[in-house]
N, C-alpha and C. Protein backbone atom coordinates (compact mmCIF):
# COMPACT_ATOMS: atom_id res chain seq x y z
N UNK A 1 -41.20 -31.38 20.28
CA UNK A 1 -40.99 -30.92 18.91
C UNK A 1 -39.53 -30.45 18.83
N UNK A 2 -38.81 -30.95 17.81
CA UNK A 2 -37.37 -30.57 17.63
C UNK A 2 -37.16 -29.57 16.55
N UNK A 3 -36.47 -28.50 16.81
CA UNK A 3 -36.25 -27.39 15.85
C UNK A 3 -34.77 -27.38 15.40
N UNK A 4 -34.62 -27.10 14.17
CA UNK A 4 -33.26 -26.96 13.63
C UNK A 4 -33.21 -25.64 12.88
N UNK A 5 -32.59 -24.63 13.48
CA UNK A 5 -32.45 -23.32 12.78
C UNK A 5 -31.33 -23.40 11.83
N UNK A 6 -30.61 -22.32 11.63
CA UNK A 6 -29.40 -22.32 10.77
C UNK A 6 -28.43 -23.44 11.25
N UNK A 7 -28.16 -23.40 12.53
CA UNK A 7 -27.28 -24.46 13.09
C UNK A 7 -27.77 -24.75 14.46
N UNK A 8 -28.39 -23.88 15.16
CA UNK A 8 -28.84 -24.15 16.58
C UNK A 8 -29.89 -25.15 16.60
N UNK A 9 -29.67 -26.22 17.27
CA UNK A 9 -30.68 -27.24 17.41
C UNK A 9 -31.20 -27.23 18.81
N UNK A 10 -32.57 -27.18 18.90
CA UNK A 10 -33.17 -27.02 20.27
C UNK A 10 -34.58 -27.76 20.26
N UNK A 11 -35.05 -27.97 21.46
CA UNK A 11 -36.34 -28.59 21.69
C UNK A 11 -37.06 -27.73 22.72
N UNK A 12 -38.31 -27.36 22.42
CA UNK A 12 -39.10 -26.57 23.32
C UNK A 12 -39.60 -27.59 24.41
N UNK A 13 -39.21 -27.34 25.66
CA UNK A 13 -39.54 -28.33 26.73
C UNK A 13 -40.59 -27.70 27.66
N UNK A 14 -40.90 -26.45 27.51
CA UNK A 14 -41.90 -25.81 28.41
C UNK A 14 -41.99 -24.33 28.04
N UNK A 15 -42.85 -23.66 28.88
CA UNK A 15 -42.96 -22.23 28.58
C UNK A 15 -41.64 -21.57 29.06
N UNK A 16 -41.04 -20.86 28.13
CA UNK A 16 -39.79 -20.11 28.33
C UNK A 16 -38.68 -21.04 28.74
N UNK A 17 -38.75 -22.27 28.19
CA UNK A 17 -37.60 -23.26 28.48
C UNK A 17 -37.31 -24.01 27.18
N UNK A 18 -36.05 -24.06 26.90
CA UNK A 18 -35.67 -24.78 25.59
C UNK A 18 -34.42 -25.59 25.90
N UNK A 19 -34.38 -26.79 25.34
CA UNK A 19 -33.20 -27.63 25.53
C UNK A 19 -32.37 -27.47 24.25
N UNK A 20 -31.15 -26.90 24.35
CA UNK A 20 -30.29 -26.66 23.14
C UNK A 20 -29.18 -27.62 23.12
N UNK A 21 -28.91 -28.16 21.97
CA UNK A 21 -27.80 -29.15 21.80
C UNK A 21 -26.51 -28.32 21.73
N UNK A 22 -25.61 -28.50 22.63
CA UNK A 22 -24.35 -27.68 22.75
C UNK A 22 -23.50 -27.88 21.47
N UNK A 23 -23.45 -29.07 20.92
CA UNK A 23 -22.58 -29.29 19.73
C UNK A 23 -23.10 -28.43 18.52
N UNK A 24 -24.35 -28.02 18.55
CA UNK A 24 -24.91 -27.20 17.48
C UNK A 24 -24.52 -25.72 17.60
N UNK A 25 -24.01 -25.36 18.79
CA UNK A 25 -23.57 -23.99 19.04
C UNK A 25 -22.05 -23.83 18.97
N UNK A 26 -21.40 -24.79 19.56
CA UNK A 26 -19.92 -24.76 19.67
C UNK A 26 -19.34 -25.88 18.81
N UNK A 27 -18.32 -25.50 18.11
CA UNK A 27 -17.61 -26.50 17.28
C UNK A 27 -16.90 -27.53 18.19
N UNK A 28 -16.30 -27.01 19.32
CA UNK A 28 -15.63 -27.87 20.25
C UNK A 28 -16.35 -27.66 21.59
N UNK A 29 -17.18 -28.65 21.94
CA UNK A 29 -17.92 -28.66 23.22
C UNK A 29 -17.00 -29.14 24.34
N UNK A 30 -16.56 -28.22 25.16
CA UNK A 30 -15.59 -28.66 26.25
C UNK A 30 -16.39 -29.16 27.50
N UNK A 31 -17.76 -29.01 27.49
CA UNK A 31 -18.52 -29.41 28.55
C UNK A 31 -18.82 -30.93 28.48
N UNK A 32 -19.10 -31.56 29.61
CA UNK A 32 -19.43 -32.98 29.67
C UNK A 32 -20.98 -33.08 29.31
N UNK A 33 -21.70 -31.96 29.34
CA UNK A 33 -23.13 -31.98 29.00
C UNK A 33 -23.34 -31.99 27.49
N UNK A 34 -24.36 -32.65 27.04
CA UNK A 34 -24.70 -32.67 25.64
C UNK A 34 -25.72 -31.55 25.37
N UNK A 35 -26.63 -31.30 26.33
CA UNK A 35 -27.67 -30.28 26.19
C UNK A 35 -27.62 -29.33 27.31
N UNK A 36 -28.21 -28.13 27.07
CA UNK A 36 -28.37 -27.13 28.15
C UNK A 36 -29.76 -26.51 28.00
N UNK A 37 -30.33 -26.15 29.18
CA UNK A 37 -31.69 -25.49 29.18
C UNK A 37 -31.46 -23.98 29.18
N UNK A 38 -32.12 -23.30 28.24
CA UNK A 38 -32.03 -21.86 28.20
C UNK A 38 -33.46 -21.26 28.01
N UNK A 39 -33.63 -19.99 28.42
CA UNK A 39 -34.95 -19.36 28.26
C UNK A 39 -35.09 -18.86 26.84
N UNK A 40 -36.25 -18.35 26.54
CA UNK A 40 -36.53 -17.88 25.14
C UNK A 40 -35.64 -16.72 24.73
N UNK A 41 -35.39 -15.82 25.59
CA UNK A 41 -34.54 -14.65 25.28
C UNK A 41 -33.10 -15.16 24.86
N UNK A 42 -32.58 -16.03 25.63
CA UNK A 42 -31.23 -16.57 25.37
C UNK A 42 -31.21 -17.35 24.06
N UNK A 43 -32.32 -18.12 23.78
CA UNK A 43 -32.38 -18.86 22.53
C UNK A 43 -32.45 -17.97 21.42
N UNK A 44 -33.21 -16.86 21.47
CA UNK A 44 -33.38 -15.92 20.44
C UNK A 44 -31.97 -15.27 20.16
N UNK A 45 -31.26 -14.96 21.23
CA UNK A 45 -29.94 -14.40 21.10
C UNK A 45 -28.97 -15.33 20.37
N UNK A 46 -29.03 -16.70 20.70
CA UNK A 46 -28.14 -17.67 20.12
C UNK A 46 -28.50 -17.78 18.60
N UNK A 47 -29.76 -17.81 18.29
CA UNK A 47 -30.20 -17.87 16.82
C UNK A 47 -29.74 -16.66 16.04
N UNK A 48 -29.99 -15.49 16.65
CA UNK A 48 -29.54 -14.29 15.92
C UNK A 48 -28.02 -14.20 15.77
N UNK A 49 -27.33 -14.60 16.76
CA UNK A 49 -25.87 -14.56 16.73
C UNK A 49 -25.37 -15.47 15.60
N UNK A 50 -25.97 -16.63 15.46
CA UNK A 50 -25.62 -17.56 14.45
C UNK A 50 -25.98 -17.01 13.05
N UNK A 51 -27.12 -16.35 12.93
CA UNK A 51 -27.54 -15.77 11.67
C UNK A 51 -26.63 -14.63 11.24
N UNK A 52 -26.19 -13.80 12.22
CA UNK A 52 -25.22 -12.71 11.89
C UNK A 52 -23.88 -13.28 11.51
N UNK A 53 -23.44 -14.30 12.26
CA UNK A 53 -22.18 -14.85 11.92
C UNK A 53 -22.21 -15.45 10.47
N UNK A 54 -23.29 -16.19 10.13
CA UNK A 54 -23.44 -16.76 8.82
C UNK A 54 -23.53 -15.66 7.72
N UNK A 55 -24.25 -14.60 8.02
CA UNK A 55 -24.42 -13.48 7.07
C UNK A 55 -23.06 -12.82 6.77
N UNK A 56 -22.25 -12.61 7.80
CA UNK A 56 -20.95 -11.95 7.68
C UNK A 56 -19.96 -12.93 6.96
N UNK A 57 -20.06 -14.23 7.24
CA UNK A 57 -19.27 -15.18 6.58
C UNK A 57 -19.59 -15.27 5.06
N UNK A 58 -20.93 -15.24 4.72
CA UNK A 58 -21.32 -15.20 3.36
C UNK A 58 -20.82 -14.00 2.66
N UNK A 59 -20.88 -12.82 3.30
CA UNK A 59 -20.47 -11.55 2.72
C UNK A 59 -18.97 -11.67 2.40
N UNK A 60 -18.21 -12.16 3.40
CA UNK A 60 -16.74 -12.34 3.13
C UNK A 60 -16.45 -13.32 2.05
N UNK A 61 -17.19 -14.39 1.97
CA UNK A 61 -17.02 -15.34 0.94
C UNK A 61 -17.34 -14.77 -0.44
N UNK A 62 -18.37 -13.92 -0.48
CA UNK A 62 -18.73 -13.30 -1.76
C UNK A 62 -17.72 -12.25 -2.22
N UNK A 63 -16.94 -11.71 -1.31
CA UNK A 63 -16.00 -10.64 -1.64
C UNK A 63 -14.52 -11.19 -1.83
N UNK A 64 -14.36 -12.46 -1.72
CA UNK A 64 -13.02 -13.09 -1.87
C UNK A 64 -12.75 -13.22 -3.40
N UNK A 65 -11.66 -12.70 -3.81
CA UNK A 65 -11.27 -12.83 -5.24
C UNK A 65 -10.01 -13.72 -5.33
N UNK A 66 -10.15 -14.65 -6.20
CA UNK A 66 -9.01 -15.61 -6.37
C UNK A 66 -7.86 -14.82 -6.98
N UNK A 67 -6.75 -14.86 -6.32
CA UNK A 67 -5.57 -14.20 -6.73
C UNK A 67 -4.79 -15.00 -7.77
N UNK A 68 -4.25 -14.25 -8.79
CA UNK A 68 -3.46 -14.96 -9.69
C UNK A 68 -2.11 -15.43 -8.96
N UNK A 69 -1.51 -16.39 -9.51
CA UNK A 69 -0.19 -16.84 -8.91
C UNK A 69 0.89 -15.72 -8.84
N UNK A 70 0.84 -14.87 -9.82
CA UNK A 70 1.85 -13.81 -9.98
C UNK A 70 1.39 -12.56 -9.19
N UNK A 71 2.21 -12.12 -8.21
CA UNK A 71 1.87 -10.96 -7.39
C UNK A 71 1.70 -9.69 -8.24
N UNK A 72 2.54 -9.60 -9.26
CA UNK A 72 2.49 -8.37 -10.09
C UNK A 72 1.18 -8.36 -10.90
N UNK A 73 0.71 -9.45 -11.39
CA UNK A 73 -0.57 -9.48 -12.01
C UNK A 73 -1.75 -9.11 -11.10
N UNK A 74 -1.66 -9.61 -9.85
CA UNK A 74 -2.62 -9.31 -8.79
C UNK A 74 -2.63 -7.80 -8.52
N UNK A 75 -1.46 -7.19 -8.52
CA UNK A 75 -1.33 -5.71 -8.18
C UNK A 75 -1.96 -4.98 -9.38
N UNK A 76 -1.77 -5.44 -10.62
CA UNK A 76 -2.31 -4.84 -11.74
C UNK A 76 -3.81 -4.92 -11.79
N UNK A 77 -4.36 -6.02 -11.28
CA UNK A 77 -5.81 -6.21 -11.14
C UNK A 77 -6.38 -5.26 -10.15
N UNK A 78 -5.59 -4.79 -9.30
CA UNK A 78 -6.10 -3.89 -8.22
C UNK A 78 -6.47 -4.62 -6.95
N UNK A 79 -6.17 -5.92 -6.94
CA UNK A 79 -6.53 -6.74 -5.80
C UNK A 79 -5.49 -6.51 -4.65
N UNK A 80 -4.29 -6.27 -5.04
CA UNK A 80 -3.19 -5.91 -4.06
C UNK A 80 -2.72 -4.49 -4.37
N UNK A 81 -2.33 -3.80 -3.39
CA UNK A 81 -1.85 -2.43 -3.58
C UNK A 81 -0.53 -2.50 -4.46
N UNK A 82 0.42 -3.22 -3.94
CA UNK A 82 1.69 -3.40 -4.69
C UNK A 82 2.23 -4.79 -4.44
N UNK A 83 2.94 -5.17 -5.40
CA UNK A 83 3.62 -6.52 -5.26
C UNK A 83 4.83 -6.36 -4.41
N UNK A 84 5.42 -7.43 -4.03
CA UNK A 84 6.67 -7.42 -3.23
C UNK A 84 7.82 -6.75 -3.98
N UNK A 85 7.86 -7.07 -5.30
CA UNK A 85 8.92 -6.40 -6.12
C UNK A 85 8.73 -4.94 -6.17
N UNK A 86 7.50 -4.43 -6.34
CA UNK A 86 7.23 -3.03 -6.32
C UNK A 86 7.61 -2.33 -5.07
N UNK A 87 7.24 -2.98 -3.93
CA UNK A 87 7.65 -2.46 -2.58
C UNK A 87 9.13 -2.40 -2.42
N UNK A 88 9.89 -3.38 -2.91
CA UNK A 88 11.33 -3.41 -2.76
C UNK A 88 11.89 -2.25 -3.66
N UNK A 89 11.40 -2.15 -4.91
CA UNK A 89 11.95 -1.12 -5.82
C UNK A 89 11.55 0.27 -5.36
N UNK A 90 10.39 0.44 -4.73
CA UNK A 90 10.01 1.77 -4.20
C UNK A 90 10.90 2.18 -3.06
N UNK A 91 11.30 1.26 -2.18
CA UNK A 91 12.20 1.51 -1.13
C UNK A 91 13.59 1.81 -1.67
N UNK A 92 13.97 0.99 -2.70
CA UNK A 92 15.28 1.23 -3.38
C UNK A 92 15.29 2.60 -4.03
N UNK A 93 14.16 2.99 -4.68
CA UNK A 93 14.11 4.31 -5.26
C UNK A 93 14.19 5.43 -4.25
N UNK A 94 13.54 5.22 -3.06
CA UNK A 94 13.59 6.25 -2.04
C UNK A 94 15.06 6.43 -1.56
N UNK A 95 15.76 5.39 -1.46
CA UNK A 95 17.18 5.46 -1.03
C UNK A 95 18.00 6.23 -2.10
N UNK A 96 17.73 5.91 -3.33
CA UNK A 96 18.43 6.59 -4.44
C UNK A 96 18.07 8.09 -4.52
N UNK A 97 16.79 8.41 -4.32
CA UNK A 97 16.35 9.79 -4.33
C UNK A 97 17.06 10.53 -3.19
N UNK A 98 17.13 9.90 -2.01
CA UNK A 98 17.80 10.52 -0.87
C UNK A 98 19.28 10.83 -1.26
N UNK A 99 19.90 9.80 -1.84
CA UNK A 99 21.32 10.01 -2.26
C UNK A 99 21.47 11.17 -3.26
N UNK A 100 20.60 11.20 -4.26
CA UNK A 100 20.68 12.26 -5.25
C UNK A 100 20.43 13.62 -4.62
N UNK A 101 19.51 13.69 -3.70
CA UNK A 101 19.30 14.98 -2.93
C UNK A 101 20.47 15.40 -2.16
N UNK A 102 21.18 14.45 -1.55
CA UNK A 102 22.43 14.80 -0.85
C UNK A 102 23.44 15.33 -1.79
N UNK A 103 23.64 14.73 -2.97
CA UNK A 103 24.53 15.14 -3.94
C UNK A 103 24.18 16.56 -4.42
N UNK A 104 22.94 16.76 -4.72
CA UNK A 104 22.48 18.10 -5.31
C UNK A 104 22.51 19.17 -4.23
N UNK A 105 22.45 18.76 -2.97
CA UNK A 105 22.51 19.81 -1.93
C UNK A 105 23.90 20.50 -1.86
N UNK A 106 24.88 19.91 -2.53
CA UNK A 106 26.24 20.51 -2.57
C UNK A 106 26.22 21.74 -3.53
N UNK A 107 25.21 21.79 -4.38
CA UNK A 107 25.11 22.84 -5.32
C UNK A 107 24.34 24.00 -4.86
N UNK A 108 24.67 25.23 -5.36
CA UNK A 108 23.83 26.37 -4.95
C UNK A 108 22.53 26.37 -5.75
N UNK A 109 21.59 27.20 -5.26
CA UNK A 109 20.32 27.25 -5.95
C UNK A 109 20.50 27.71 -7.37
N UNK A 110 21.31 28.68 -7.59
CA UNK A 110 21.57 29.25 -8.93
C UNK A 110 22.13 28.19 -9.87
N UNK A 111 23.04 27.36 -9.34
CA UNK A 111 23.75 26.27 -10.15
C UNK A 111 22.65 25.25 -10.50
N UNK A 112 21.82 24.88 -9.55
CA UNK A 112 20.77 23.89 -9.88
C UNK A 112 19.81 24.40 -10.89
N UNK A 113 19.36 25.69 -10.78
CA UNK A 113 18.49 26.31 -11.72
C UNK A 113 19.06 26.33 -13.16
N UNK A 114 20.34 26.72 -13.22
CA UNK A 114 21.05 26.81 -14.54
C UNK A 114 21.12 25.38 -15.16
N UNK A 115 21.46 24.35 -14.40
CA UNK A 115 21.51 23.01 -14.94
C UNK A 115 20.15 22.56 -15.45
N UNK A 116 19.14 22.92 -14.64
CA UNK A 116 17.76 22.49 -15.00
C UNK A 116 17.33 23.17 -16.31
N UNK A 117 17.58 24.43 -16.46
CA UNK A 117 17.21 25.17 -17.62
C UNK A 117 18.01 24.66 -18.84
N UNK A 118 19.27 24.37 -18.64
CA UNK A 118 20.12 23.93 -19.74
C UNK A 118 19.85 22.54 -20.14
N UNK A 119 19.72 21.61 -19.27
CA UNK A 119 19.62 20.20 -19.68
C UNK A 119 18.16 19.56 -19.63
N UNK A 120 17.38 20.17 -18.82
CA UNK A 120 16.03 19.62 -18.82
C UNK A 120 15.07 20.42 -19.75
N UNK A 121 15.27 21.71 -19.71
CA UNK A 121 14.40 22.54 -20.65
C UNK A 121 15.09 22.81 -21.97
N UNK A 122 16.33 22.33 -22.17
CA UNK A 122 17.12 22.49 -23.36
C UNK A 122 17.23 23.99 -23.82
N UNK A 123 17.43 24.82 -22.85
CA UNK A 123 17.66 26.20 -23.14
C UNK A 123 19.07 26.48 -23.45
N UNK A 124 19.36 27.42 -24.35
CA UNK A 124 20.67 27.81 -24.68
C UNK A 124 21.27 28.70 -23.60
N UNK A 125 22.62 28.78 -23.59
CA UNK A 125 23.29 29.69 -22.61
C UNK A 125 22.84 31.11 -22.79
N UNK A 126 22.53 31.47 -24.09
CA UNK A 126 22.10 32.83 -24.30
C UNK A 126 20.73 33.15 -23.70
N UNK A 127 19.84 32.17 -23.85
CA UNK A 127 18.50 32.41 -23.30
C UNK A 127 18.52 32.42 -21.77
N UNK A 128 19.36 31.51 -21.18
CA UNK A 128 19.50 31.56 -19.73
C UNK A 128 20.10 32.81 -19.21
N UNK A 129 21.11 33.36 -19.94
CA UNK A 129 21.75 34.59 -19.57
C UNK A 129 20.76 35.73 -19.68
N UNK A 130 19.96 35.73 -20.66
CA UNK A 130 18.96 36.81 -20.91
C UNK A 130 17.94 36.78 -19.75
N UNK A 131 17.45 35.59 -19.36
CA UNK A 131 16.46 35.46 -18.23
C UNK A 131 17.05 35.90 -16.92
N UNK A 132 18.34 35.56 -16.66
CA UNK A 132 18.98 35.97 -15.40
C UNK A 132 19.56 37.33 -15.39
N UNK A 133 19.72 37.90 -16.56
CA UNK A 133 20.30 39.29 -16.65
C UNK A 133 21.81 39.20 -16.45
N UNK A 134 22.45 38.11 -16.87
CA UNK A 134 23.93 38.00 -16.74
C UNK A 134 24.49 37.68 -18.08
N UNK A 135 25.81 37.50 -18.18
CA UNK A 135 26.46 37.32 -19.44
C UNK A 135 26.41 35.80 -19.79
N UNK A 136 26.60 35.57 -21.09
CA UNK A 136 26.55 34.20 -21.61
C UNK A 136 27.78 33.44 -21.09
N UNK A 137 28.90 34.16 -20.99
CA UNK A 137 30.16 33.47 -20.51
C UNK A 137 29.98 33.07 -19.09
N UNK A 138 29.37 33.90 -18.27
CA UNK A 138 29.15 33.57 -16.84
C UNK A 138 28.29 32.35 -16.69
N UNK A 139 27.21 32.29 -17.47
CA UNK A 139 26.27 31.17 -17.38
C UNK A 139 26.99 29.86 -17.91
N UNK A 140 27.69 29.97 -19.00
CA UNK A 140 28.32 28.75 -19.51
C UNK A 140 29.44 28.27 -18.57
N UNK A 141 30.27 29.14 -18.04
CA UNK A 141 31.36 28.70 -17.11
C UNK A 141 30.69 28.15 -15.75
N UNK A 142 29.64 28.74 -15.33
CA UNK A 142 28.96 28.24 -14.11
C UNK A 142 28.49 26.82 -14.38
N UNK A 143 27.83 26.59 -15.48
CA UNK A 143 27.37 25.27 -15.83
C UNK A 143 28.51 24.24 -15.97
N UNK A 144 29.62 24.66 -16.56
CA UNK A 144 30.72 23.77 -16.73
C UNK A 144 31.38 23.40 -15.44
N UNK A 145 31.51 24.43 -14.48
CA UNK A 145 32.00 24.18 -13.11
C UNK A 145 31.11 23.23 -12.34
N UNK A 146 29.85 23.43 -12.52
CA UNK A 146 28.86 22.58 -11.83
C UNK A 146 28.91 21.15 -12.28
N UNK A 147 29.05 20.94 -13.65
CA UNK A 147 29.14 19.61 -14.20
C UNK A 147 30.47 18.91 -13.66
N UNK A 148 31.50 19.75 -13.71
CA UNK A 148 32.90 19.22 -13.22
C UNK A 148 32.72 18.82 -11.75
N UNK A 149 31.97 19.56 -11.00
CA UNK A 149 31.75 19.24 -9.54
C UNK A 149 30.95 17.96 -9.43
N UNK A 150 30.01 17.65 -10.31
CA UNK A 150 29.22 16.44 -10.27
C UNK A 150 29.89 15.18 -10.82
N UNK A 151 31.07 15.42 -11.53
CA UNK A 151 31.69 14.28 -12.16
C UNK A 151 32.08 13.24 -11.13
N UNK A 152 32.42 13.57 -9.96
CA UNK A 152 32.83 12.55 -8.93
C UNK A 152 31.64 11.60 -8.68
N UNK A 153 30.37 12.01 -8.94
CA UNK A 153 29.24 11.21 -8.66
C UNK A 153 28.67 10.65 -9.94
N UNK A 154 29.43 10.82 -11.11
CA UNK A 154 28.90 10.40 -12.38
C UNK A 154 28.51 8.94 -12.48
N UNK A 155 29.35 7.97 -11.89
CA UNK A 155 29.01 6.58 -11.90
C UNK A 155 27.66 6.26 -11.26
N UNK A 156 27.44 6.93 -10.05
CA UNK A 156 26.22 6.69 -9.35
C UNK A 156 25.03 7.31 -10.11
N UNK A 157 25.20 8.52 -10.59
CA UNK A 157 24.09 9.17 -11.34
C UNK A 157 23.72 8.44 -12.63
N UNK A 158 24.70 7.86 -13.31
CA UNK A 158 24.43 7.11 -14.53
C UNK A 158 23.85 5.76 -14.27
N UNK A 159 24.22 5.13 -13.19
CA UNK A 159 23.75 3.75 -12.86
C UNK A 159 22.43 3.76 -12.12
N UNK A 160 22.06 4.84 -11.49
CA UNK A 160 20.82 4.78 -10.68
C UNK A 160 19.61 4.58 -11.56
N UNK A 161 18.57 3.93 -10.86
CA UNK A 161 17.36 3.68 -11.68
C UNK A 161 16.50 4.93 -11.83
N UNK A 162 16.80 5.93 -11.01
CA UNK A 162 16.03 7.18 -11.17
C UNK A 162 16.67 8.00 -12.34
N UNK A 163 16.09 7.90 -13.45
CA UNK A 163 16.61 8.56 -14.67
C UNK A 163 16.18 10.05 -14.76
N UNK A 164 15.08 10.35 -14.07
CA UNK A 164 14.63 11.71 -14.16
C UNK A 164 15.11 12.55 -12.95
N UNK A 165 16.31 12.28 -12.53
CA UNK A 165 16.83 13.02 -11.32
C UNK A 165 17.06 14.45 -11.60
N UNK A 166 17.04 14.90 -12.88
CA UNK A 166 17.19 16.30 -13.19
C UNK A 166 16.02 17.03 -12.64
N UNK A 167 14.85 16.41 -12.56
CA UNK A 167 13.68 17.05 -11.97
C UNK A 167 13.87 17.46 -10.50
N UNK A 168 14.84 16.82 -9.90
CA UNK A 168 15.17 17.06 -8.48
C UNK A 168 16.07 18.32 -8.28
N UNK A 169 16.47 18.87 -9.42
CA UNK A 169 17.31 20.06 -9.31
C UNK A 169 16.55 21.25 -8.75
N UNK A 170 15.28 21.36 -9.04
CA UNK A 170 14.55 22.50 -8.55
C UNK A 170 13.52 22.14 -7.60
């Protein structure tokens, strides 16, 4: 009697003896033999292995999503984390953020706070002076000196893609 499981082809030749066709187990049979005799336990193992392999292959096939040609569209679908362009620009952004942090590290904490309040929070010199307990003239002159100090970096700060670098002040 000849049996054909999922893929394993075998013939029961006796009690606890089965003749298995090697080409049904291996895609590339390197042996000169066409058949091999195995016991029932080994046959059961071969059949279960083949079933598990087929089940995992079906699972993988069911979970494959056809990607659109455009990586950005695939990233938006959630199929890919990020497109190549997004990876490049995120690295580019990291470099720019690092440069901005180096520039801003030249300023004192008070200077950074004053610029943040003045330009990000749109607070007047009067309000900043009142919060700090200092004079309006001191705050205004401090902001002007700080801006003058940053002028040598103005080309970089204006051209960088990080437009919200003011957030990095505090």
